[in-house]
Amino acid sequence: MFRTAAAVALFALATPLAAQEWQPEVGAVRAHVGFLASDEMKGREAGAPEYDIAARYVAAQFEALGLKPVGAPNAQTPSYIQPVPLVTFRAASEGSVELVRGGTTMKLQFGVDYLPGANPLSPETVKDAPLVFVGFGVVAPGFKRDDYSGLDVKGKIVVMLAGAPATLPTEERAHYGNIAGKRLVAAQHGAVGTIVVDTPTREKVSTFARRARNWRYLGATWAHGDGMPEYPGGSAPGLATVSMAGAEKLFADMPGGAKAVFAASEGKGANPKRGPMPLSARVTLKSDIARVASSNVAGLLEGSDPAFKDQVVVLSAHLDHVGICPEVKGDTICNGAMDNAMGIASMIEVAHGFKHLKVRPKRSILFLAVTAEEKGLVGADYFANNPTLPKGNLVADVNLDMPIVTYDFKDVVAFGAERSSIGPAVARAGATMGIALVPDPEPEQGIFTRSDHYRFVQQGIPSVFLVTGPGGDGAVAGKAFEKNHYHQPSDDMKLPFVWGAATKFVALNLAIARDLADSPDRPRWNKGDFFGTLYKGYGADGK
């Protein structure tokens, strides 16, 4: 197949073994991205017919490559398609939030003071209860932090600050700041609802005004076999997000008001004074809830070694994007070429590469395209909780999400590399190609918890999230993409793809997967790692 001279020059850095046996084709990668990111796919939103077409395309590629169908392996006719029962939900109205102090009622203003929550468990939610301020609402025993210590929140609505204390390490902070986890903690303490208050830190990252413009954002989760939506902490549903302006009214009775609360939350110890508040809240919400069918796509390359073939290395990527989006220069289709047609194309071509290697890997490799990443890592969460292979056999996940290939990358970032033996495997594979493994350049973003691999982490499985790195033109290219193209119609085939870099990314992932599959040692968490220990993962206890 045709290759440009530039592509050939770039691929010269591929592993000697891969170069001898197989070379990824520019035309193949470009064809996958071109199809998946075409206007006809309308942005591949999970639940849309166009997403289903994209899923069938991936399944057809898996079949052509001879992968074993394991999306529904026990069906009468085994299939690559794993049905994912999505439940979508969004605010159906502006709702109402009233603060009651003694005999005085103050109604907060929608879009200025608050934005309503949405509840996938009920089309109407009504709560009337006293308020308790629980600081950040974090319980982190390993860091000697318990924001509920000494507080009785049973039957109360808890008020909590967005995020988590800056005193925590960045990735652990991202974990504890996750609203689903905080809602679950509130429910475990007997609360009946949660109100989240914006902070100066959150405002810098995502302004309230911007979120107010998209207040009917469509969220999603998945349904259990009995039809019940997965919604951790459902007995303490998210009722509202309160702006910094609304916080002035909410914290008016506290010494120094909202200003003092924010100062204490961002000061030494990040520990504002917590306790019962001298007011209650009446909150009414209405939610639009719908059942939507979507799917993951799963194909297995069986290992060759009887002693290792039951162990499965997962290579994952999300197939969905955000669909139809606000108009920009007359275009309303968010095509998702880099995010994440490029990740899916890479995964397909890694499978293609394995087909051409002379010796199959010792361990099995699962190629997994997941749905609804853009709606909260939902498809990956569904698979991780409902795996189509024995969960104990899944030994590692390498996740491919939005590799930027508009430049010839010199290094890569594997978020989570320092936490398990996967990191050294990435480094070894990269070294054979002259590609360095470098640390997370923006640890304060907590990206380790923000892509599909994290759903495997939560099942105790060592995992990394691999992207092209900041070296050379990488930092500039990454910032330019995020500013000008991320979740925009311009993330399409008009981007200046460097296709030789795309094939190099494929070759690197083939080398990583092969290292993990052929290593004499099972991938393991580093002894004492926070996430490995928290989720009882293999190796974290040092055994």
Protein backbone atom coordinates (compact mmCIF):
# COMPACT_ATOMS: atom_id res chain seq x y z
CA MET A 1 0.00 0.00 0.00
CA PHE A 2 1.17 3.53 -0.75
CA ARG A 3 3.28 5.35 1.82
CA THR A 4 4.63 8.87 1.71
CA ALA A 5 8.37 9.31 2.06
CA ALA A 6 7.79 11.07 5.38
CA ALA A 7 5.82 8.12 6.69
CA VAL A 8 8.58 5.70 5.74
CA ALA A 9 11.17 7.89 7.46
CA LEU A 10 9.13 8.08 10.64
CA PHE A 11 8.45 4.36 10.76
CA ALA A 12 12.16 3.62 10.54
CA LEU A 13 12.10 4.12 14.32
CA ALA A 14 9.84 1.06 14.79
CA THR A 15 10.99 -1.95 16.76
CA PRO A 16 13.41 -4.17 14.86
CA LEU A 17 11.17 -7.20 15.44
CA ALA A 18 8.02 -5.45 14.26
CA ALA A 19 9.85 -4.02 11.26
CA GLN A 20 10.97 -7.50 10.25
CA GLU A 21 7.52 -9.07 10.55
CA TRP A 22 4.99 -6.30 9.88
CA GLN A 23 4.68 -2.58 9.33
CA PRO A 24 1.48 -0.61 9.95
CA GLU A 25 0.07 0.93 6.81
CA VAL A 26 -0.65 4.64 6.58
CA GLY A 27 -3.57 3.94 4.27
CA ALA A 28 -5.20 1.54 6.72
CA VAL A 29 -5.01 3.93 9.67
CA ARG A 30 -6.22 6.84 7.56
CA ALA A 31 -9.12 4.78 6.21
CA HIS A 32 -10.34 3.82 9.70
CA VAL A 33 -10.16 7.41 10.95
CA GLY A 34 -11.72 8.74 7.76
CA PHE A 35 -14.73 6.43 8.02
CA LEU A 36 -15.34 6.85 11.73
CA ALA A 37 -14.89 10.65 11.62
CA SER A 38 -16.95 11.20 8.46
CA ASP A 39 -19.93 13.54 8.53
CA GLU A 40 -22.17 10.53 7.86
CA MET A 41 -21.28 9.23 11.36
CA LYS A 42 -22.68 12.47 12.87
CA GLY A 43 -20.20 12.42 15.74
CA ARG A 44 -20.91 8.83 16.91
CA GLU A 45 -22.91 9.80 19.98
CA ALA A 46 -23.62 6.81 22.21
CA GLY A 47 -27.18 5.63 21.61
CA ALA A 48 -27.42 7.18 18.14
CA PRO A 49 -27.89 4.99 15.04
CA GLU A 50 -24.58 6.26 13.68
CA TYR A 51 -22.77 4.93 16.74
CA ASP A 52 -24.30 1.52 16.04
CA ILE A 53 -22.94 1.66 12.50
CA ALA A 54 -19.50 2.51 13.89
CA ALA A 55 -19.73 -0.45 16.28
CA ARG A 56 -20.61 -2.79 13.43
CA TYR A 57 -17.63 -1.42 11.48
CA VAL A 58 -15.27 -2.27 14.35
CA ALA A 59 -16.86 -5.70 14.72
CA ALA A 60 -16.35 -6.34 11.01
CA GLN A 61 -12.67 -5.39 11.33
CA PHE A 62 -12.29 -7.79 14.26
CA GLU A 63 -13.93 -10.56 12.27
CA ALA A 64 -11.67 -9.94 9.27
CA LEU A 65 -8.65 -10.21 11.55
CA GLY A 66 -9.80 -13.53 12.95
CA LEU A 67 -10.38 -12.36 16.52
CA LYS A 68 -12.67 -14.48 18.66
CA PRO A 69 -16.06 -12.81 19.33
CA VAL A 70 -16.36 -12.25 23.07
CA GLY A 71 -18.90 -9.42 23.30
CA ALA A 72 -21.57 -12.03 23.94
CA PRO A 73 -19.57 -15.27 24.08
CA ASN A 74 -22.36 -17.36 25.58
CA ALA A 75 -25.01 -16.40 23.07
CA GLN A 76 -26.34 -19.04 20.69
CA THR A 77 -24.33 -17.23 18.02
CA PRO A 78 -21.32 -15.61 19.74
CA SER A 79 -21.01 -11.93 18.90
CA TYR A 80 -18.42 -9.17 19.09
CA ILE A 81 -21.19 -6.86 20.32
CA GLN A 82 -21.76 -6.54 24.06
CA PRO A 83 -25.15 -4.82 24.54
CA VAL A 84 -24.90 -1.92 26.98
CA PRO A 85 -28.25 -0.79 28.47
CA LEU A 86 -27.77 2.93 28.90
CA VAL A 87 -29.94 5.18 31.02
CA THR A 88 -29.72 8.82 30.00
CA PHE A 89 -30.90 11.64 32.21
CA ARG A 90 -30.98 15.42 32.27
CA ALA A 91 -32.72 18.23 34.10
CA ALA A 92 -36.25 18.61 32.73
CA SER A 93 -36.82 22.04 34.26
CA GLU A 94 -35.04 24.76 36.16
CA GLY A 95 -36.30 23.27 39.40
CA SER A 96 -36.34 25.32 42.57
CA VAL A 97 -34.06 25.78 45.56
CA GLU A 98 -35.35 27.63 48.60
CA LEU A 99 -33.38 28.42 51.76
CA VAL A 100 -35.45 28.63 54.94
CA ARG A 101 -34.11 30.57 57.95
CA GLY A 102 -36.63 30.56 60.76
CA GLY A 103 -39.77 32.00 59.21
CA THR A 104 -37.97 33.57 56.26
CA THR A 105 -37.71 31.91 52.86
CA MET A 106 -35.19 32.95 50.21
CA LYS A 107 -35.53 31.55 46.70
CA LEU A 108 -32.23 31.11 44.87
CA GLN A 109 -32.10 32.31 41.27
CA PHE A 110 -31.65 29.73 38.56
CA GLY A 111 -28.59 30.28 36.38
CA VAL A 112 -27.17 32.85 38.78
CA ASP A 113 -27.19 31.18 42.19
CA TYR A 114 -27.65 27.53 41.25
CA LEU A 115 -28.03 24.89 38.55
CA PRO A 116 -30.37 21.96 39.17
CA GLY A 117 -29.21 18.37 39.47
CA ALA A 118 -30.72 15.44 37.60
CA ASN A 119 -31.68 12.11 39.13
CA PRO A 120 -31.73 8.92 37.00
CA LEU A 121 -33.71 7.11 39.72
CA SER A 122 -36.81 9.31 39.65
CA PRO A 123 -38.49 11.80 37.30
CA GLU A 124 -39.32 13.99 40.30
CA THR A 125 -37.21 14.60 43.39
CA VAL A 126 -38.43 16.63 46.35
CA LYS A 127 -36.31 17.17 49.47
CA ASP A 128 -37.00 19.35 52.50
CA ALA A 129 -34.39 18.97 55.23
CA PRO A 130 -31.90 20.79 57.46
CA LEU A 131 -28.48 21.56 56.02
CA VAL A 132 -25.10 20.42 57.35
CA PHE A 133 -21.84 21.78 55.98
CA VAL A 134 -19.30 18.97 55.60
CA GLY A 135 -16.39 20.90 54.09
CA PHE A 136 -15.19 18.95 51.05
CA GLY A 137 -17.16 15.89 52.15
CA VAL A 138 -14.05 13.71 51.95
CA VAL A 139 -13.27 10.65 54.06
CA ALA A 140 -9.68 9.55 53.41
CA PRO A 141 -8.39 7.35 56.25
CA GLY A 142 -4.94 6.97 54.73
CA PHE A 143 -4.52 10.73 54.86
CA LYS A 144 -6.13 11.11 58.30
CA ARG A 145 -9.02 13.08 56.87
CA ASP A 146 -12.68 12.65 57.85
CA ASP A 147 -14.93 15.58 57.01
CA TYR A 148 -17.88 13.79 58.65
CA SER A 149 -16.16 13.31 61.98
CA GLY A 150 -18.43 14.42 64.83
CA LEU A 151 -21.31 15.31 62.50
CA ASP A 152 -24.80 13.83 62.41
CA VAL A 153 -26.08 14.08 58.85
CA LYS A 154 -28.77 11.41 59.02
CA GLY A 155 -31.90 12.74 57.34
CA LYS A 156 -30.09 15.96 56.40
CA ILE A 157 -28.96 17.55 53.15
CA VAL A 158 -25.19 17.90 53.13
CA VAL A 159 -23.52 20.96 51.64
CA MET A 160 -20.03 20.26 50.30
CA LEU A 161 -17.36 22.17 48.43
CA ALA A 162 -16.48 21.03 44.92
CA GLY A 163 -13.33 18.98 44.54
CA ALA A 164 -11.03 17.81 47.31
CA PRO A 165 -8.40 19.37 49.58
CA ALA A 166 -5.23 20.59 47.89
CA THR A 167 -3.28 18.92 50.70
CA LEU A 168 -3.85 15.55 49.00
CA PRO A 169 -1.55 14.26 46.22
CA THR A 170 -2.93 15.22 42.81
CA GLU A 171 -4.25 11.86 41.57
CA GLU A 172 -5.56 10.89 44.99
CA ARG A 173 -7.20 14.32 45.14
CA ALA A 174 -8.93 13.68 41.82
CA HIS A 175 -10.19 10.35 43.18
CA TYR A 176 -11.57 11.85 46.38
CA GLY A 177 -12.99 14.86 44.53
CA ASN A 178 -15.16 12.74 42.25
CA ILE A 179 -18.76 13.66 42.89
CA ALA A 180 -20.09 10.10 42.60
CA GLY A 181 -17.72 8.95 45.32
CA LYS A 182 -18.61 11.90 47.53
CA ARG A 183 -22.30 11.27 47.02
CA LEU A 184 -21.80 7.64 48.05
CA VAL A 185 -20.01 8.71 51.23
CA ALA A 186 -22.88 11.09 52.02
CA ALA A 187 -25.41 8.29 51.54
CA GLN A 188 -23.40 5.94 53.75
CA HIS A 189 -23.63 8.55 56.52
CA GLY A 190 -27.42 8.77 56.15
CA ALA A 191 -27.76 12.03 54.20
CA VAL A 192 -30.82 12.45 51.97
CA GLY A 193 -29.29 14.78 49.39
CA THR A 194 -26.17 16.69 48.38
CA ILE A 195 -25.57 20.28 47.34
CA VAL A 196 -22.19 21.10 45.81
CA VAL A 197 -20.74 24.59 46.12
CA ASP A 198 -18.36 26.02 43.53
CA THR A 199 -14.97 27.24 44.77
CA PRO A 200 -12.46 29.71 43.30
CA THR A 201 -10.41 26.72 42.17
CA ARG A 202 -13.30 25.14 40.28
CA GLU A 203 -14.28 28.49 38.77
CA LYS A 204 -10.83 28.78 37.22
CA VAL A 205 -11.15 25.35 35.61
CA SER A 206 -14.78 25.53 34.49
CA THR A 207 -16.74 28.73 34.94
CA PHE A 208 -20.26 28.61 36.31
CA ALA A 209 -21.42 30.80 33.41
CA ARG A 210 -20.16 28.26 30.86
CA ARG A 211 -21.84 25.40 32.69
CA ALA A 212 -25.04 27.43 32.94
CA ARG A 213 -25.18 27.63 29.14
CA ASN A 214 -25.16 23.81 29.01
CA TRP A 215 -27.30 23.18 32.08
CA ARG A 216 -29.38 20.48 30.36
CA TYR A 217 -26.30 18.38 29.65
CA LEU A 218 -27.28 14.80 28.96
CA GLY A 219 -25.74 12.47 31.52
CA ALA A 220 -25.74 8.70 31.34
CA THR A 221 -25.29 5.58 33.40
CA TRP A 222 -26.04 1.90 32.83
CA ALA A 223 -28.85 -0.34 34.03
CA HIS A 224 -28.53 -3.48 36.12
CA GLY A 225 -30.32 -6.67 35.12
CA ASP A 226 -33.36 -5.61 37.12
CA GLY A 227 -33.48 -2.30 35.24
CA MET A 228 -32.23 -0.22 38.17
CA PRO A 229 -29.79 2.49 37.05
CA GLU A 230 -26.27 2.32 38.46
CA TYR A 231 -26.11 5.46 40.62
CA PRO A 232 -23.78 5.26 43.63
CA GLY A 233 -25.21 7.07 46.62
CA GLY A 234 -28.67 7.20 45.11
CA SER A 235 -30.30 7.78 48.51
CA ALA A 236 -28.42 11.10 48.66
CA PRO A 237 -28.95 12.39 45.10
CA GLY A 238 -27.23 15.45 43.71
CA LEU A 239 -29.74 18.27 44.16
CA ALA A 240 -27.95 21.37 42.94
CA THR A 241 -24.66 23.09 42.18
CA VAL A 242 -24.41 26.47 43.88
CA SER A 243 -22.32 29.23 42.33
CA MET A 244 -19.92 31.46 44.25
CA ALA A 245 -22.62 34.14 44.10
CA GLY A 246 -25.15 31.69 45.54
CA ALA A 247 -22.63 30.72 48.21
CA GLU A 248 -22.83 34.24 49.62
CA LYS A 249 -26.48 33.57 50.43
CA LEU A 250 -25.92 29.99 51.55
CA PHE A 251 -23.06 30.84 53.95
CA ALA A 252 -24.44 34.21 55.13
CA ASP A 253 -24.75 32.98 58.73
CA MET A 254 -21.18 31.70 58.98
CA PRO A 255 -18.49 34.00 60.46
CA GLY A 256 -16.95 35.86 57.56
CA GLY A 257 -19.46 34.36 55.13
CA ALA A 258 -18.52 32.61 51.91
CA LYS A 259 -15.25 34.54 51.65
CA ALA A 260 -14.02 33.04 54.91
CA VAL A 261 -15.16 29.54 53.89
CA PHE A 262 -13.26 29.77 50.62
CA ALA A 263 -10.17 31.20 52.30
CA ALA A 264 -10.11 28.35 54.82
CA SER A 265 -10.70 25.76 52.10
CA GLU A 266 -7.67 26.96 50.16
CA GLY A 267 -5.46 27.77 53.14
CA LYS A 268 -3.13 25.57 55.15
CA GLY A 269 -4.91 22.34 56.01
CA ALA A 270 -7.74 23.11 53.54
CA ASN A 271 -10.15 22.61 56.42
CA PRO A 272 -13.04 25.09 56.74
CA LYS A 273 -15.15 24.88 59.86
CA ARG A 274 -17.83 22.24 59.46
CA GLY A 275 -21.12 21.72 61.24
CA PRO A 276 -24.91 22.11 61.22
CA MET A 277 -26.17 25.21 59.43
CA PRO A 278 -28.98 27.37 60.90
CA LEU A 279 -31.21 26.84 57.90
CA SER A 280 -32.91 24.17 55.83
CA ALA A 281 -33.51 23.77 52.11
CA ARG A 282 -36.54 22.87 50.03
CA VAL A 283 -35.48 21.50 46.66
CA THR A 284 -37.63 20.32 43.78
CA LEU A 285 -36.17 18.71 40.68
CA LYS A 286 -37.62 17.18 37.55
CA SER A 287 -35.56 14.84 35.39
CA ASP A 288 -35.99 13.48 31.90
CA ILE A 289 -34.98 9.80 31.94
CA ALA A 290 -34.69 7.52 28.92
CA ARG A 291 -33.56 3.97 28.20
CA VAL A 292 -31.12 3.79 25.31
CA ALA A 293 -29.41 0.78 23.76
CA SER A 294 -25.72 0.99 22.92
CA SER A 295 -22.84 -1.45 22.80
CA ASN A 296 -19.21 -2.23 23.43
CA VAL A 297 -17.25 -4.27 20.89
CA ALA A 298 -14.90 -7.04 22.08
CA GLY A 299 -12.58 -9.34 20.16
CA LEU A 300 -10.03 -11.75 21.63
CA LEU A 301 -6.67 -12.90 20.31
CA GLU A 302 -6.09 -16.12 22.22
CA GLY A 303 -2.66 -16.64 23.72
CA SER A 304 -0.36 -19.43 22.63
CA ASP A 305 1.01 -20.59 25.98
CA PRO A 306 -1.28 -22.98 27.92
CA ALA A 307 0.23 -21.70 31.18
CA PHE A 308 -0.56 -18.04 30.38
CA LYS A 309 -3.39 -17.93 27.85
CA ASP A 310 -6.09 -17.51 30.52
CA GLN A 311 -4.45 -14.24 31.54
CA VAL A 312 -5.81 -11.40 29.40
CA VAL A 313 -4.18 -8.08 28.55
CA VAL A 314 -6.80 -5.50 27.53
CA LEU A 315 -6.23 -2.84 24.88
CA SER A 316 -9.13 -0.37 25.12
CA ALA A 317 -10.33 2.75 23.34
CA HIS A 318 -13.63 4.62 23.32
CA LEU A 319 -15.62 4.57 20.11
CA ASP A 320 -18.14 7.30 20.90
CA HIS A 321 -17.83 11.05 20.58
CA VAL A 322 -20.20 13.92 21.42
CA GLY A 323 -22.41 13.89 18.32
CA ILE A 324 -24.12 17.07 17.16
CA CYS A 325 -22.74 20.17 18.87
CA PRO A 326 -23.16 23.96 18.86
CA GLU A 327 -22.58 25.51 15.44
CA VAL A 328 -19.13 26.81 14.58
CA LYS A 329 -18.69 28.42 11.16
CA GLY A 330 -21.77 26.63 9.87
CA ASP A 331 -20.69 23.19 11.08
CA THR A 332 -22.59 21.31 13.81
CA ILE A 333 -20.99 17.84 13.59
CA CYS A 334 -18.34 17.08 16.16
CA ASN A 335 -16.61 14.38 14.11
CA GLY A 336 -14.14 13.23 16.78
CA ALA A 337 -11.26 12.38 14.44
CA MET A 338 -8.50 12.65 17.02
CA ASP A 339 -10.96 12.01 19.87
CA ASN A 340 -11.16 9.10 19.47
CA ALA A 341 -11.31 7.69 15.95
CA MET A 342 -7.51 7.77 16.07
CA GLY A 343 -7.46 5.64 19.23
CA ILE A 344 -9.85 3.09 17.69
CA ALA A 345 -7.87 2.99 14.45
CA SER A 346 -4.69 2.37 16.45
CA MET A 347 -6.30 -0.49 18.36
CA ILE A 348 -7.59 -2.15 15.17
CA GLU A 349 -4.19 -1.92 13.53
CA VAL A 350 -2.44 -3.35 16.61
CA ALA A 351 -4.73 -6.36 16.21
CA HIS A 352 -3.77 -6.40 12.51
CA GLY A 353 -0.12 -6.42 13.53
CA PHE A 354 -0.53 -9.37 15.87
CA LYS A 355 -2.15 -11.34 13.06
CA HIS A 356 1.05 -10.98 11.03
CA LEU A 357 3.56 -11.83 13.73
CA LYS A 358 5.20 -15.23 13.35
CA VAL A 359 4.60 -16.21 16.97
CA ARG A 360 1.35 -15.44 18.78
CA PRO A 361 1.68 -13.79 22.20
CA LYS A 362 1.73 -16.04 25.27
CA ARG A 363 -1.10 -14.26 27.04
CA SER A 364 -4.41 -13.50 25.38
CA ILE A 365 -5.18 -9.95 24.26
CA LEU A 366 -8.65 -8.42 24.39
CA PHE A 367 -9.36 -5.59 21.96
CA LEU A 368 -12.18 -3.55 23.46
CA ALA A 369 -14.03 -0.58 21.95
CA VAL A 370 -16.29 1.03 24.54
CA THR A 371 -19.30 3.30 24.39
CA ALA A 372 -20.32 6.44 26.30
CA GLU A 373 -16.88 7.52 27.49
CA GLU A 374 -17.97 11.08 26.79
CA LYS A 375 -20.89 10.62 29.19
CA GLY A 376 -18.79 9.52 32.14
CA LEU A 377 -16.77 6.40 31.21
CA VAL A 378 -20.05 4.47 31.16
CA GLY A 379 -19.30 1.72 28.64
CA ALA A 380 -16.00 0.88 30.30
CA ASP A 381 -17.73 0.84 33.68
CA TYR A 382 -20.36 -1.52 32.34
CA PHE A 383 -17.75 -3.91 30.97
CA ALA A 384 -15.63 -3.73 34.13
CA ASN A 385 -18.67 -4.65 36.22
CA ASN A 386 -20.10 -7.11 33.68
CA PRO A 387 -17.04 -8.58 31.95
CA THR A 388 -17.60 -11.12 29.22
CA LEU A 389 -14.46 -12.96 30.37
CA PRO A 390 -13.70 -13.98 33.97
CA LYS A 391 -12.78 -10.80 35.82
CA GLY A 392 -9.91 -12.49 37.61
CA ASN A 393 -8.31 -13.24 34.23
CA LEU A 394 -8.02 -9.57 33.26
CA VAL A 395 -4.45 -8.68 34.24
CA ALA A 396 -3.79 -5.26 32.65
CA ASP A 397 -5.39 -2.49 30.59
CA VAL A 398 -3.66 -0.09 28.21
CA ASN A 399 -6.12 2.61 27.15
CA LEU A 400 -5.79 4.69 23.98
CA ASP A 401 -7.66 7.98 24.13
CA MET A 402 -7.04 10.99 21.88
CA PRO A 403 -3.40 10.55 20.87
CA ILE A 404 -2.43 13.82 19.18
CA VAL A 405 -0.63 12.93 15.94
CA THR A 406 -0.26 16.33 14.31
CA TYR A 407 3.51 16.20 14.94
CA ASP A 408 6.29 13.62 15.01
CA PHE A 409 6.19 12.69 18.68
CA LYS A 410 9.45 11.96 20.48
CA ASP A 411 8.03 10.73 23.78
CA VAL A 412 4.84 9.46 25.37
CA VAL A 413 2.99 9.89 28.65
CA ALA A 414 1.42 6.83 30.26
CA PHE A 415 -0.80 8.13 33.05
CA GLY A 416 -0.38 5.71 35.93
CA ALA A 417 2.97 4.35 34.68
CA GLU A 418 4.67 4.86 38.02
CA ARG A 419 2.03 2.78 39.82
CA SER A 420 2.56 -0.66 38.32
CA SER A 421 4.83 -2.88 36.25
CA ILE A 422 3.09 -1.58 33.12
CA GLY A 423 5.24 1.55 33.33
CA PRO A 424 8.53 -0.33 32.80
CA ALA A 425 6.89 -2.28 29.95
CA VAL A 426 6.00 0.99 28.21
CA ALA A 427 9.55 2.27 28.78
CA ARG A 428 11.10 -0.90 27.35
CA ALA A 429 8.90 -0.83 24.27
CA GLY A 430 9.58 2.85 23.70
CA ALA A 431 13.32 2.42 24.09
CA THR A 432 13.43 0.01 21.13
CA MET A 433 11.95 2.80 19.00
CA GLY A 434 13.81 5.77 20.42
CA ILE A 435 10.67 6.99 22.19
CA ALA A 436 11.02 8.12 25.80
CA LEU A 437 8.47 7.58 28.55
CA VAL A 438 8.12 10.91 30.38
CA PRO A 439 6.19 11.91 33.52
CA ASP A 440 2.77 13.52 33.47
CA PRO A 441 3.50 17.16 32.52
CA GLU A 442 0.33 18.43 34.23
CA PRO A 443 -0.16 16.32 37.38
CA GLU A 444 -2.47 18.92 38.86
CA GLN A 445 -5.11 17.90 36.29
CA GLY A 446 -5.50 14.41 37.80
CA ILE A 447 -5.91 12.91 34.33
CA PHE A 448 -5.22 9.39 35.63
CA THR A 449 -8.83 9.22 36.87
CA ARG A 450 -10.44 10.70 33.75
CA SER A 451 -10.44 8.06 31.03
CA ASP A 452 -11.76 4.54 30.54
CA HIS A 453 -8.78 2.72 32.04
CA TYR A 454 -9.83 4.07 35.45
CA ARG A 455 -12.87 1.78 35.45
CA PHE A 456 -10.42 -1.14 35.30
CA VAL A 457 -8.35 0.43 38.08
CA GLN A 458 -11.50 0.44 40.21
CA GLN A 459 -11.67 -3.32 39.74
CA GLY A 460 -8.09 -3.69 40.96
CA ILE A 461 -6.57 -4.15 37.49
CA PRO A 462 -3.23 -2.38 36.78
CA SER A 463 -3.88 0.13 33.99
CA VAL A 464 -2.39 3.06 32.11
CA PHE A 465 -3.71 5.68 29.71
CA LEU A 466 -1.27 6.28 26.85
CA VAL A 467 -0.93 9.52 24.83
CA THR A 468 1.72 11.16 22.71
CA GLY A 469 4.04 13.33 24.79
CA PRO A 470 5.14 16.96 25.18
CA GLY A 471 8.61 16.62 23.67
CA GLY A 472 9.56 18.43 20.47
CA ASP A 473 6.42 20.11 19.16
CA GLY A 474 4.19 18.10 21.48
CA ALA A 475 3.42 20.69 24.13
CA VAL A 476 2.45 23.28 21.52
CA ALA A 477 0.44 20.77 19.47
CA GLY A 478 -1.43 19.52 22.53
CA LYS A 479 -2.38 23.00 23.73
CA ALA A 480 -3.42 24.04 20.22
CA PHE A 481 -5.70 21.02 19.87
CA GLU A 482 -7.29 21.54 23.27
CA LYS A 483 -7.89 25.23 22.65
CA ASN A 484 -9.08 25.09 19.05
CA HIS A 485 -10.43 21.62 18.31
CA TYR A 486 -11.30 19.62 21.45
CA HIS A 487 -15.04 18.77 21.31
CA GLN A 488 -15.38 21.14 18.35
CA PRO A 489 -16.52 20.49 14.76
CA SER A 490 -12.95 21.15 13.64
CA ASP A 491 -11.75 17.84 15.12
CA ASP A 492 -12.09 16.27 11.69
CA MET A 493 -10.02 15.02 8.78
CA LYS A 494 -8.94 18.55 7.91
CA LEU A 495 -6.56 18.51 10.87
CA PRO A 496 -2.88 18.35 9.84
CA PHE A 497 -2.43 14.65 10.61
CA VAL A 498 1.13 13.38 10.41
CA TRP A 499 0.24 9.87 9.31
CA GLY A 500 3.73 8.57 9.86
CA ALA A 501 3.36 9.55 13.51
CA ALA A 502 0.04 7.70 13.55
CA THR A 503 1.65 4.47 12.35
CA LYS A 504 4.47 4.94 14.82
CA PHE A 505 1.88 5.14 17.60
CA VAL A 506 0.41 1.85 16.34
CA ALA A 507 3.84 0.20 16.31
CA LEU A 508 4.55 1.41 19.84
CA ASN A 509 1.29 -0.02 21.16
CA LEU A 510 1.98 -3.31 19.44
CA ALA A 511 5.35 -3.43 21.19
CA ILE A 512 3.80 -2.56 24.57
CA ALA A 513 1.07 -5.18 24.25
CA ARG A 514 3.59 -7.77 23.16
CA ASP A 515 5.85 -7.02 26.13
CA LEU A 516 2.97 -7.39 28.56
CA ALA A 517 1.69 -10.53 26.87
CA ASP A 518 5.07 -12.29 26.75
CA SER A 519 6.56 -11.24 30.07
CA PRO A 520 7.23 -14.15 32.45
CA ASP A 521 5.64 -12.10 35.23
CA ARG A 522 2.00 -11.12 35.47
CA PRO A 523 1.48 -7.32 35.45
CA ARG A 524 1.25 -6.12 39.05
CA TRP A 525 0.71 -3.03 41.13
CA ASN A 526 3.72 -1.61 42.91
CA LYS A 527 3.82 -2.54 46.56
CA GLY A 528 1.80 -0.09 48.64
CA ASP A 529 0.41 1.88 45.70
CA PHE A 530 -2.61 3.90 46.78
CA PHE A 531 -4.99 2.72 44.05
CA GLY A 532 -3.71 -0.86 44.03
CA THR A 533 -4.19 -1.04 47.78
CA LEU A 534 -7.57 0.71 47.75
CA TYR A 535 -9.00 -1.69 45.17
CA LYS A 536 -7.13 -4.79 46.41
CA GLY A 537 -5.18 -5.25 43.20
CA TYR A 538 -2.61 -7.94 42.46
CA GLY A 539 0.82 -7.13 43.89
CA ALA A 540 -0.15 -4.08 45.94
CA ASP A 541 0.28 -6.04 49.17
CA GLY A 542 3.80 -7.02 48.15
CA LYS A 543 2.96 -10.71 47.84
